[in-house]
């Protein structure tokens, strides 16, 4: 990450978004990227809850298959290609041995949904999470992730569409909390359009974020363009200044 780009965004972010939290980033690497190995939680866990230390405290952590307690996270982060036995019942109506989350109407529909997901392959690599201000020049983030209030989300959404003529420049695909900040934006980063992804609609992950927060995840290449547009976009208008004052 170029130091100039990192510092430029921090200055512009404070100018137009005040004290709204800086985004976090992630990238895959064979080493540790200068991050600490995340502790493996005991019992059930959600990686979204564990990322609070990155978002709020600026800690840098890395994961791999060995310290991800959630099977869904192992799948969506590319470390496992199969879900646990009976997952189709877990996500839908349940059965005699497990209670269903009832996010999808039938087990058959769950299987159909999962069959449509492209596999990610990250075996042998670690995934590093770092807050934007903690990035070093040797880091190469793949996706930038904001945990955003409605006003902040409005600004990010509009900025991401500043150079678009096709209306669906930002998407909100169904999926888990971790799929909305890692899996889907990573796939977008491999595509020509590189659309941003709004997420954190998963009720199971929402307990890990404040009630007025959603996520906005964008591939780094697209994000660099967004930074370049900030000083010529709606952010310099009176309309945004009114919202900017409200953010305080």
C-alpha atoms as a PDB file:
ATOM      1  CA  UNK A   1       0.000   0.000   0.000  1.00  0.00           C
ATOM      2  CA  UNK A   2       1.454   3.334  -1.049  1.00  0.00           C
ATOM      3  CA  UNK A   3       1.937   5.639   1.920  1.00  0.00           C
ATOM      4  CA  UNK A   4       0.690   8.625  -0.076  1.00  0.00           C
ATOM      5  CA  UNK A   5      -2.630   6.921  -0.919  1.00  0.00           C
ATOM      6  CA  UNK A   6      -3.124   5.774   2.659  1.00  0.00           C
ATOM      7  CA  UNK A   7      -2.562   9.266   4.075  1.00  0.00           C
ATOM      8  CA  UNK A   8      -4.567  10.971   1.321  1.00  0.00           C
ATOM      9  CA  UNK A   9      -7.645   8.925   2.156  1.00  0.00           C
ATOM     10  CA  UNK A  10      -7.341   9.525   5.908  1.00  0.00           C
ATOM     11  CA  UNK A  11      -7.269  13.289   5.299  1.00  0.00           C
ATOM     12  CA  UNK A  12     -10.220  13.212   2.892  1.00  0.00           C
ATOM     13  CA  UNK A  13     -12.189  10.854   5.116  1.00  0.00           C
ATOM     14  CA  UNK A  14     -11.929  13.183   8.078  1.00  0.00           C
ATOM     15  CA  UNK A  15     -12.776  16.167   5.848  1.00  0.00           C
ATOM     16  CA  UNK A  16     -15.990  14.696   4.462  1.00  0.00           C
ATOM     17  CA  UNK A  17     -17.014  12.053   7.022  1.00  0.00           C
ATOM     18  CA  UNK A  18     -15.735  13.540  10.282  1.00  0.00           C
ATOM     19  CA  UNK A  19     -14.985  11.038  13.009  1.00  0.00           C
ATOM     20  CA  UNK A  20     -16.725   8.100  11.320  1.00  0.00           C
ATOM     21  CA  UNK A  21     -14.636   4.975  11.827  1.00  0.00           C
ATOM     22  CA  UNK A  22     -11.913   4.130   9.344  1.00  0.00           C
ATOM     23  CA  UNK A  23     -12.412   0.988   7.247  1.00  0.00           C
ATOM     24  CA  UNK A  24     -10.627  -2.296   7.781  1.00  0.00           C
ATOM     25  CA  UNK A  25      -8.987  -4.309   5.011  1.00  0.00           C
ATOM     26  CA  UNK A  26      -7.985  -7.877   4.318  1.00  0.00           C
ATOM     27  CA  UNK A  27      -5.595  -9.753   2.097  1.00  0.00           C
ATOM     28  CA  UNK A  28      -4.282 -13.296   1.722  1.00  0.00           C
ATOM     29  CA  UNK A  29      -0.602 -14.004   2.295  1.00  0.00           C
ATOM     30  CA  UNK A  30       1.634 -16.985   3.021  1.00  0.00           C
ATOM     31  CA  UNK A  31       3.166 -15.231   6.040  1.00  0.00           C
ATOM     32  CA  UNK A  32       1.550 -13.252   8.838  1.00  0.00           C
ATOM     33  CA  UNK A  33       1.781  -9.733   7.376  1.00  0.00           C
ATOM     34  CA  UNK A  34       2.978  -8.444  10.729  1.00  0.00           C
ATOM     35  CA  UNK A  35      -0.321  -9.441  12.343  1.00  0.00           C
ATOM     36  CA  UNK A  36      -0.993 -11.552  15.429  1.00  0.00           C
ATOM     37  CA  UNK A  37      -2.594 -14.957  15.102  1.00  0.00           C
ATOM     38  CA  UNK A  38      -6.210 -14.689  16.191  1.00  0.00           C
ATOM     39  CA  UNK A  39      -7.038 -16.849  19.188  1.00  0.00           C
ATOM     40  CA  UNK A  40      -9.321 -19.774  18.507  1.00  0.00           C
ATOM     41  CA  UNK A  41     -12.532 -19.121  20.454  1.00  0.00           C
ATOM     42  CA  UNK A  42     -14.099 -21.793  22.589  1.00  0.00           C
ATOM     43  CA  UNK A  43     -17.515 -23.037  21.536  1.00  0.00           C
ATOM     44  CA  UNK A  44     -19.613 -21.348  18.899  1.00  0.00           C
ATOM     45  CA  UNK A  45     -18.237 -18.146  17.461  1.00  0.00           C
ATOM     46  CA  UNK A  46     -18.692 -15.650  14.627  1.00  0.00           C
ATOM     47  CA  UNK A  47     -15.717 -13.990  12.979  1.00  0.00           C
ATOM     48  CA  UNK A  48     -17.709 -10.745  12.776  1.00  0.00           C
ATOM     49  CA  UNK A  49     -17.717 -10.565  16.593  1.00  0.00           C
ATOM     50  CA  UNK A  50     -13.980 -11.235  16.657  1.00  0.00           C
ATOM     51  CA  UNK A  51     -13.219  -8.381  14.244  1.00  0.00           C
ATOM     52  CA  UNK A  52     -14.252  -5.790  16.843  1.00  0.00           C
ATOM     53  CA  UNK A  53     -10.637  -5.702  18.024  1.00  0.00           C
ATOM     54  CA  UNK A  54      -9.549  -4.725  14.502  1.00  0.00           C
ATOM     55  CA  UNK A  55     -12.316  -2.158  13.981  1.00  0.00           C
ATOM     56  CA  UNK A  56     -12.196  -0.473  17.375  1.00  0.00           C
ATOM     57  CA  UNK A  57      -8.704  -1.093  18.728  1.00  0.00           C
ATOM     58  CA  UNK A  58      -6.650  -1.164  15.549  1.00  0.00           C
ATOM     59  CA  UNK A  59      -5.259  -4.627  16.248  1.00  0.00           C
ATOM     60  CA  UNK A  60      -4.087  -6.629  13.223  1.00  0.00           C
ATOM     61  CA  UNK A  61      -4.953 -10.335  13.181  1.00  0.00           C
ATOM     62  CA  UNK A  62      -4.716 -13.277  10.836  1.00  0.00           C
ATOM     63  CA  UNK A  63      -6.772 -16.423  10.387  1.00  0.00           C
ATOM     64  CA  UNK A  64      -6.518 -19.730   8.597  1.00  0.00           C
ATOM     65  CA  UNK A  65      -8.427 -22.987   8.734  1.00  0.00           C
ATOM     66  CA  UNK A  66      -6.837 -23.860  12.069  1.00  0.00           C
ATOM     67  CA  UNK A  67      -8.224 -20.948  14.088  1.00  0.00           C
ATOM     68  CA  UNK A  68     -11.600 -20.369  12.437  1.00  0.00           C
ATOM     69  CA  UNK A  69     -14.176 -21.885  14.750  1.00  0.00           C
ATOM     70  CA  UNK A  70     -17.138 -21.343  12.414  1.00  0.00           C
ATOM     71  CA  UNK A  71     -17.613 -23.837   9.580  1.00  0.00           C
ATOM     72  CA  UNK A  72     -19.421 -21.237   7.503  1.00  0.00           C
ATOM     73  CA  UNK A  73     -16.470 -18.875   7.808  1.00  0.00           C
ATOM     74  CA  UNK A  74     -14.088 -21.641   6.723  1.00  0.00           C
ATOM     75  CA  UNK A  75     -16.237 -22.104   3.613  1.00  0.00           C
ATOM     76  CA  UNK A  76     -16.732 -18.433   2.745  1.00  0.00           C
ATOM     77  CA  UNK A  77     -13.063 -17.587   3.386  1.00  0.00           C
ATOM     78  CA  UNK A  78     -11.945 -20.397   1.100  1.00  0.00           C
ATOM     79  CA  UNK A  79     -10.555 -22.976   3.532  1.00  0.00           C
ATOM     80  CA  UNK A  80     -13.266 -25.637   3.158  1.00  0.00           C
ATOM     81  CA  UNK A  81     -15.360 -26.502   0.137  1.00  0.00           C
ATOM     82  CA  UNK A  82     -17.985 -28.509   2.008  1.00  0.00           C
ATOM     83  CA  UNK A  83     -20.462 -27.461   4.654  1.00  0.00           C
ATOM     84  CA  UNK A  84     -21.195 -29.532   7.732  1.00  0.00           C
ATOM     85  CA  UNK A  85     -23.585 -32.494   7.364  1.00  0.00           C
ATOM     86  CA  UNK A  86     -27.202 -31.372   7.574  1.00  0.00           C
ATOM     87  CA  UNK A  87     -26.385 -27.743   6.784  1.00  0.00           C
ATOM     88  CA  UNK A  88     -29.389 -27.594   4.467  1.00  0.00           C
ATOM     89  CA  UNK A  89     -31.627 -28.276   7.488  1.00  0.00           C
ATOM     90  CA  UNK A  90     -29.720 -25.886   9.734  1.00  0.00           C
ATOM     91  CA  UNK A  91     -30.248 -22.970   7.333  1.00  0.00           C
ATOM     92  CA  UNK A  92     -33.900 -23.837   6.709  1.00  0.00           C
ATOM     93  CA  UNK A  93     -36.557 -25.626   8.733  1.00  0.00           C
ATOM     94  CA  UNK A  94     -34.436 -27.870  10.951  1.00  0.00           C
ATOM     95  CA  UNK A  95     -35.033 -31.569  11.635  1.00  0.00           C
ATOM     96  CA  UNK A  96     -35.281 -34.008  14.528  1.00  0.00           C
ATOM     97  CA  UNK A  97     -31.709 -33.354  15.712  1.00  0.00           C
ATOM     98  CA  UNK A  98     -31.229 -29.641  15.088  1.00  0.00           C
ATOM     99  CA  UNK A  99     -33.146 -26.394  15.176  1.00  0.00           C
ATOM    100  CA  UNK A 100     -33.290 -24.536  11.865  1.00  0.00           C
ATOM    101  CA  UNK A 101     -32.430 -20.851  11.442  1.00  0.00           C
ATOM    102  CA  UNK A 102     -35.264 -20.539   8.893  1.00  0.00           C
ATOM    103  CA  UNK A 103     -33.371 -18.193   6.593  1.00  0.00           C
ATOM    104  CA  UNK A 104     -34.337 -20.264   3.528  1.00  0.00           C
ATOM    105  CA  UNK A 105     -37.723 -21.948   3.189  1.00  0.00           C
ATOM    106  CA  UNK A 106     -36.688 -25.539   2.363  1.00  0.00           C
ATOM    107  CA  UNK A 107     -33.568 -27.753   2.545  1.00  0.00           C
ATOM    108  CA  UNK A 108     -33.788 -28.271  -1.214  1.00  0.00           C
ATOM    109  CA  UNK A 109     -33.600 -24.535  -1.785  1.00  0.00           C
ATOM    110  CA  UNK A 110     -30.509 -24.336   0.455  1.00  0.00           C
ATOM    111  CA  UNK A 111     -28.775 -27.003  -1.627  1.00  0.00           C
ATOM    112  CA  UNK A 112     -29.679 -25.151  -4.809  1.00  0.00           C
ATOM    113  CA  UNK A 113     -28.337 -21.896  -3.381  1.00  0.00           C
ATOM    114  CA  UNK A 114     -25.045 -23.427  -2.248  1.00  0.00           C
ATOM    115  CA  UNK A 115     -24.531 -25.121  -5.613  1.00  0.00           C
ATOM    116  CA  UNK A 116     -24.519 -21.691  -7.276  1.00  0.00           C
ATOM    117  CA  UNK A 117     -21.618 -20.382  -5.168  1.00  0.00           C
ATOM    118  CA  UNK A 118     -18.231 -20.355  -6.856  1.00  0.00           C
ATOM    119  CA  UNK A 119     -15.490 -21.963  -4.747  1.00  0.00           C
ATOM    120  CA  UNK A 120     -12.647 -19.923  -3.313  1.00  0.00           C
ATOM    121  CA  UNK A 121      -9.305 -21.633  -2.763  1.00  0.00           C
ATOM    122  CA  UNK A 122      -7.105 -20.139  -0.064  1.00  0.00           C
ATOM    123  CA  UNK A 123      -5.523 -23.290   1.334  1.00  0.00           C
ATOM    124  CA  UNK A 124      -1.973 -22.719   2.548  1.00  0.00           C
ATOM    125  CA  UNK A 125      -2.479 -18.976   3.036  1.00  0.00           C
ATOM    126  CA  UNK A 126      -3.469 -16.767   5.939  1.00  0.00           C
ATOM    127  CA  UNK A 127      -6.079 -14.036   5.728  1.00  0.00           C
ATOM    128  CA  UNK A 128      -4.900 -10.836   7.413  1.00  0.00           C
ATOM    129  CA  UNK A 129      -7.295  -8.164   8.708  1.00  0.00           C
ATOM    130  CA  UNK A 130      -5.886  -4.657   9.287  1.00  0.00           C
ATOM    131  CA  UNK A 131      -7.457  -1.287   9.845  1.00  0.00           C
ATOM    132  CA  UNK A 132      -6.653   1.260   7.136  1.00  0.00           C
ATOM    133  CA  UNK A 133      -4.410   3.402   9.350  1.00  0.00           C
ATOM    134  CA  UNK A 134      -2.340   0.354  10.327  1.00  0.00           C
ATOM    135  CA  UNK A 135      -1.408  -0.634   6.761  1.00  0.00           C
ATOM    136  CA  UNK A 136       2.289  -0.775   5.890  1.00  0.00           C
ATOM    137  CA  UNK A 137       3.845  -0.184   2.483  1.00  0.00           C
ATOM    138  CA  UNK A 138       4.444  -3.933   2.198  1.00  0.00           C
ATOM    139  CA  UNK A 139       0.707  -4.683   2.605  1.00  0.00           C
ATOM    140  CA  UNK A 140      -1.473  -5.242  -0.441  1.00  0.00           C
ATOM    141  CA  UNK A 141      -5.133  -5.189   0.677  1.00  0.00           C
ATOM    142  CA  UNK A 142      -7.654  -6.869  -1.595  1.00  0.00           C
ATOM    143  CA  UNK A 143     -10.884  -5.468  -0.137  1.00  0.00           C
ATOM    144  CA  UNK A 144     -11.742  -2.371   1.929  1.00  0.00           C
ATOM    145  CA  UNK A 145     -14.595  -2.807   4.432  1.00  0.00           C
ATOM    146  CA  UNK A 146     -16.593  -0.065   6.141  1.00  0.00           C
ATOM    147  CA  UNK A 147     -18.847  -0.632   9.134  1.00  0.00           C
ATOM    148  CA  UNK A 148     -21.158   2.266   8.391  1.00  0.00           C
ATOM    149  CA  UNK A 149     -24.171   4.155   9.725  1.00  0.00           C
ATOM    150  CA  UNK A 150     -26.951   5.083   7.248  1.00  0.00           C
ATOM    151  CA  UNK A 151     -25.487   8.546   6.568  1.00  0.00           C
ATOM    152  CA  UNK A 152     -22.002   7.179   5.958  1.00  0.00           C
ATOM    153  CA  UNK A 153     -23.418   4.357   3.859  1.00  0.00           C
ATOM    154  CA  UNK A 154     -25.296   6.921   1.779  1.00  0.00           C
ATOM    155  CA  UNK A 155     -22.051   8.732   0.994  1.00  0.00           C
ATOM    156  CA  UNK A 156     -20.136   5.556   0.139  1.00  0.00           C
ATOM    157  CA  UNK A 157     -22.945   4.182  -2.014  1.00  0.00           C
ATOM    158  CA  UNK A 158     -23.255   7.423  -3.993  1.00  0.00           C
ATOM    159  CA  UNK A 159     -19.495   7.787  -4.416  1.00  0.00           C
ATOM    160  CA  UNK A 160     -19.192   4.201  -5.675  1.00  0.00           C
ATOM    161  CA  UNK A 161     -21.740   4.993  -8.384  1.00  0.00           C
ATOM    162  CA  UNK A 162     -20.198   8.340  -9.375  1.00  0.00           C
ATOM    163  CA  UNK A 163     -18.713   7.023 -12.634  1.00  0.00           C
ATOM    164  CA  UNK A 164     -21.400   4.422 -13.398  1.00  0.00           C
ATOM    165  CA  UNK A 165     -24.159   4.530 -16.009  1.00  0.00           C
ATOM    166  CA  UNK A 166     -25.603   1.119 -15.182  1.00  0.00           C
ATOM    167  CA  UNK A 167     -27.742   1.385 -12.016  1.00  0.00           C
ATOM    168  CA  UNK A 168     -26.612  -1.799 -10.271  1.00  0.00           C
ATOM    169  CA  UNK A 169     -23.075  -0.729  -9.471  1.00  0.00           C
ATOM    170  CA  UNK A 170     -23.535  -1.878  -5.882  1.00  0.00           C
ATOM    171  CA  UNK A 171     -25.041  -5.227  -4.906  1.00  0.00           C
ATOM    172  CA  UNK A 172     -26.507  -6.786  -1.747  1.00  0.00           C
ATOM    173  CA  UNK A 173     -26.337 -10.579  -2.240  1.00  0.00           C
ATOM    174  CA  UNK A 174     -27.909 -12.951   0.261  1.00  0.00           C
ATOM    175  CA  UNK A 175     -25.420 -14.590   2.564  1.00  0.00           C
ATOM    176  CA  UNK A 176     -23.727 -14.724   5.936  1.00  0.00           C
ATOM    177  CA  UNK A 177     -22.016 -11.754   7.537  1.00  0.00           C
ATOM    178  CA  UNK A 178     -18.573 -13.025   6.546  1.00  0.00           C
ATOM    179  CA  UNK A 179     -19.680 -13.703   2.977  1.00  0.00           C
ATOM    180  CA  UNK A 180     -20.734 -10.061   2.633  1.00  0.00           C
ATOM    181  CA  UNK A 181     -17.331  -8.700   3.677  1.00  0.00           C
ATOM    182  CA  UNK A 182     -15.006 -11.364   2.239  1.00  0.00           C
ATOM    183  CA  UNK A 183     -16.522 -13.829  -0.235  1.00  0.00           C
ATOM    184  CA  UNK A 184     -18.716 -11.610  -2.429  1.00  0.00           C
ATOM    185  CA  UNK A 185     -16.413  -8.549  -2.599  1.00  0.00           C
ATOM    186  CA  UNK A 186     -13.446 -10.823  -3.304  1.00  0.00           C
ATOM    187  CA  UNK A 187     -15.304 -12.331  -6.261  1.00  0.00           C
ATOM    188  CA  UNK A 188     -16.180  -8.818  -7.441  1.00  0.00           C
ATOM    189  CA  UNK A 189     -12.487  -7.972  -7.313  1.00  0.00           C
ATOM    190  CA  UNK A 190     -11.894 -10.752  -9.830  1.00  0.00           C
ATOM    191  CA  UNK A 191     -14.571  -9.410 -12.183  1.00  0.00           C
ATOM    192  CA  UNK A 192     -14.470  -6.591 -14.710  1.00  0.00           C
ATOM    193  CA  UNK A 193     -17.036  -4.361 -12.954  1.00  0.00           C
ATOM    194  CA  UNK A 194     -15.675  -4.656  -9.402  1.00  0.00           C
ATOM    195  CA  UNK A 195     -18.947  -3.716  -7.739  1.00  0.00           C
ATOM    196  CA  UNK A 196     -19.218  -2.755  -4.082  1.00  0.00           C
ATOM    197  CA  UNK A 197     -21.176  -5.019  -1.706  1.00  0.00           C
ATOM    198  CA  UNK A 198     -23.587  -3.846   0.992  1.00  0.00           C
ATOM    199  CA  UNK A 199     -24.110  -6.414   3.719  1.00  0.00           C
ATOM    200  CA  UNK A 200     -24.452  -7.479   7.346  1.00  0.00           C
ATOM    201  CA  UNK A 201     -28.131  -8.337   6.937  1.00  0.00           C
ATOM    202  CA  UNK A 202     -27.530 -11.791   8.427  1.00  0.00           C
ATOM    203  CA  UNK A 203     -29.478 -11.887  11.739  1.00  0.00           C
ATOM    204  CA  UNK A 204     -26.935 -14.312  13.208  1.00  0.00           C
ATOM    205  CA  UNK A 205     -24.099 -11.814  12.664  1.00  0.00           C
ATOM    206  CA  UNK A 206     -26.027  -8.671  13.563  1.00  0.00           C
ATOM    207  CA  UNK A 207     -25.564  -9.315  17.270  1.00  0.00           C
ATOM    208  CA  UNK A 208     -21.883  -8.514  16.671  1.00  0.00           C
ATOM    209  CA  UNK A 209     -22.447  -4.987  15.316  1.00  0.00           C
ATOM    210  CA  UNK A 210     -24.337  -1.940  16.639  1.00  0.00           C
ATOM    211  CA  UNK A 211     -27.989  -1.685  15.684  1.00  0.00           C
ATOM    212  CA  UNK A 212     -27.501   1.139  13.149  1.00  0.00           C
ATOM    213  CA  UNK A 213     -24.532  -0.395  11.308  1.00  0.00           C
ATOM    214  CA  UNK A 214     -24.300  -2.160   7.945  1.00  0.00           C
ATOM    215  CA  UNK A 215     -21.195  -2.978   5.922  1.00  0.00           C
ATOM    216  CA  UNK A 216     -19.926  -1.620   2.643  1.00  0.00           C
ATOM    217  CA  UNK A 217     -17.114  -3.687   1.118  1.00  0.00           C
ATOM    218  CA  UNK A 218     -15.353  -2.700  -2.079  1.00  0.00           C
ATOM    219  CA  UNK A 219     -12.433  -4.202  -4.035  1.00  0.00           C
ATOM    220  CA  UNK A 220      -9.260  -2.153  -3.588  1.00  0.00           C
ATOM    221  CA  UNK A 221      -8.899  -1.265  -7.266  1.00  0.00           C
ATOM    222  CA  UNK A 222     -12.408   0.195  -7.285  1.00  0.00           C
ATOM    223  CA  UNK A 223     -11.787   1.910  -3.970  1.00  0.00           C
ATOM    224  CA  UNK A 224      -8.735   3.702  -5.324  1.00  0.00           C
ATOM    225  CA  UNK A 225     -10.953   5.218  -8.028  1.00  0.00           C
ATOM    226  CA  UNK A 226     -13.442   6.312  -5.379  1.00  0.00           C
ATOM    227  CA  UNK A 227     -10.680   8.165  -3.517  1.00  0.00           C
ATOM    228  CA  UNK A 228      -9.741   9.951  -6.730  1.00  0.00           C
ATOM    229  CA  UNK A 229     -13.323  11.168  -7.204  1.00  0.00           C
ATOM    230  CA  UNK A 230     -13.917  12.528  -3.713  1.00  0.00           C
ATOM    231  CA  UNK A 231     -12.881  16.125  -4.381  1.00  0.00           C
ATOM    232  CA  UNK A 232     -15.027  16.466  -7.523  1.00  0.00           C
ATOM    233  CA  UNK A 233     -18.099  14.576  -6.338  1.00  0.00           C
ATOM    234  CA  UNK A 234     -21.234  15.500  -4.371  1.00  0.00           C
ATOM    235  CA  UNK A 235     -19.055  15.515  -1.242  1.00  0.00           C
ATOM    236  CA  UNK A 236     -18.123  19.147  -1.990  1.00  0.00           C
ATOM    237  CA  UNK A 237     -21.766  20.294  -2.254  1.00  0.00           C
ATOM    238  CA  UNK A 238     -24.054  21.993   0.245  1.00  0.00           C
ATOM    239  CA  UNK A 239     -26.299  18.914   0.328  1.00  0.00           C
ATOM    240  CA  UNK A 240     -23.494  16.800   1.739  1.00  0.00           C
ATOM    241  CA  UNK A 241     -22.329  19.517   4.141  1.00  0.00           C
ATOM    242  CA  UNK A 242     -25.718  19.331   5.841  1.00  0.00           C
ATOM    243  CA  UNK A 243     -25.360  15.569   6.305  1.00  0.00           C
ATOM    244  CA  UNK A 244     -21.736  16.002   7.351  1.00  0.00           C
ATOM    245  CA  UNK A 245     -22.776  18.315  10.183  1.00  0.00           C
ATOM    246  CA  UNK A 246     -25.433  15.833  11.283  1.00  0.00           C
ATOM    247  CA  UNK A 247     -22.788  13.132  11.620  1.00  0.00           C
ATOM    248  CA  UNK A 248     -21.274  15.023  14.560  1.00  0.00           C
END
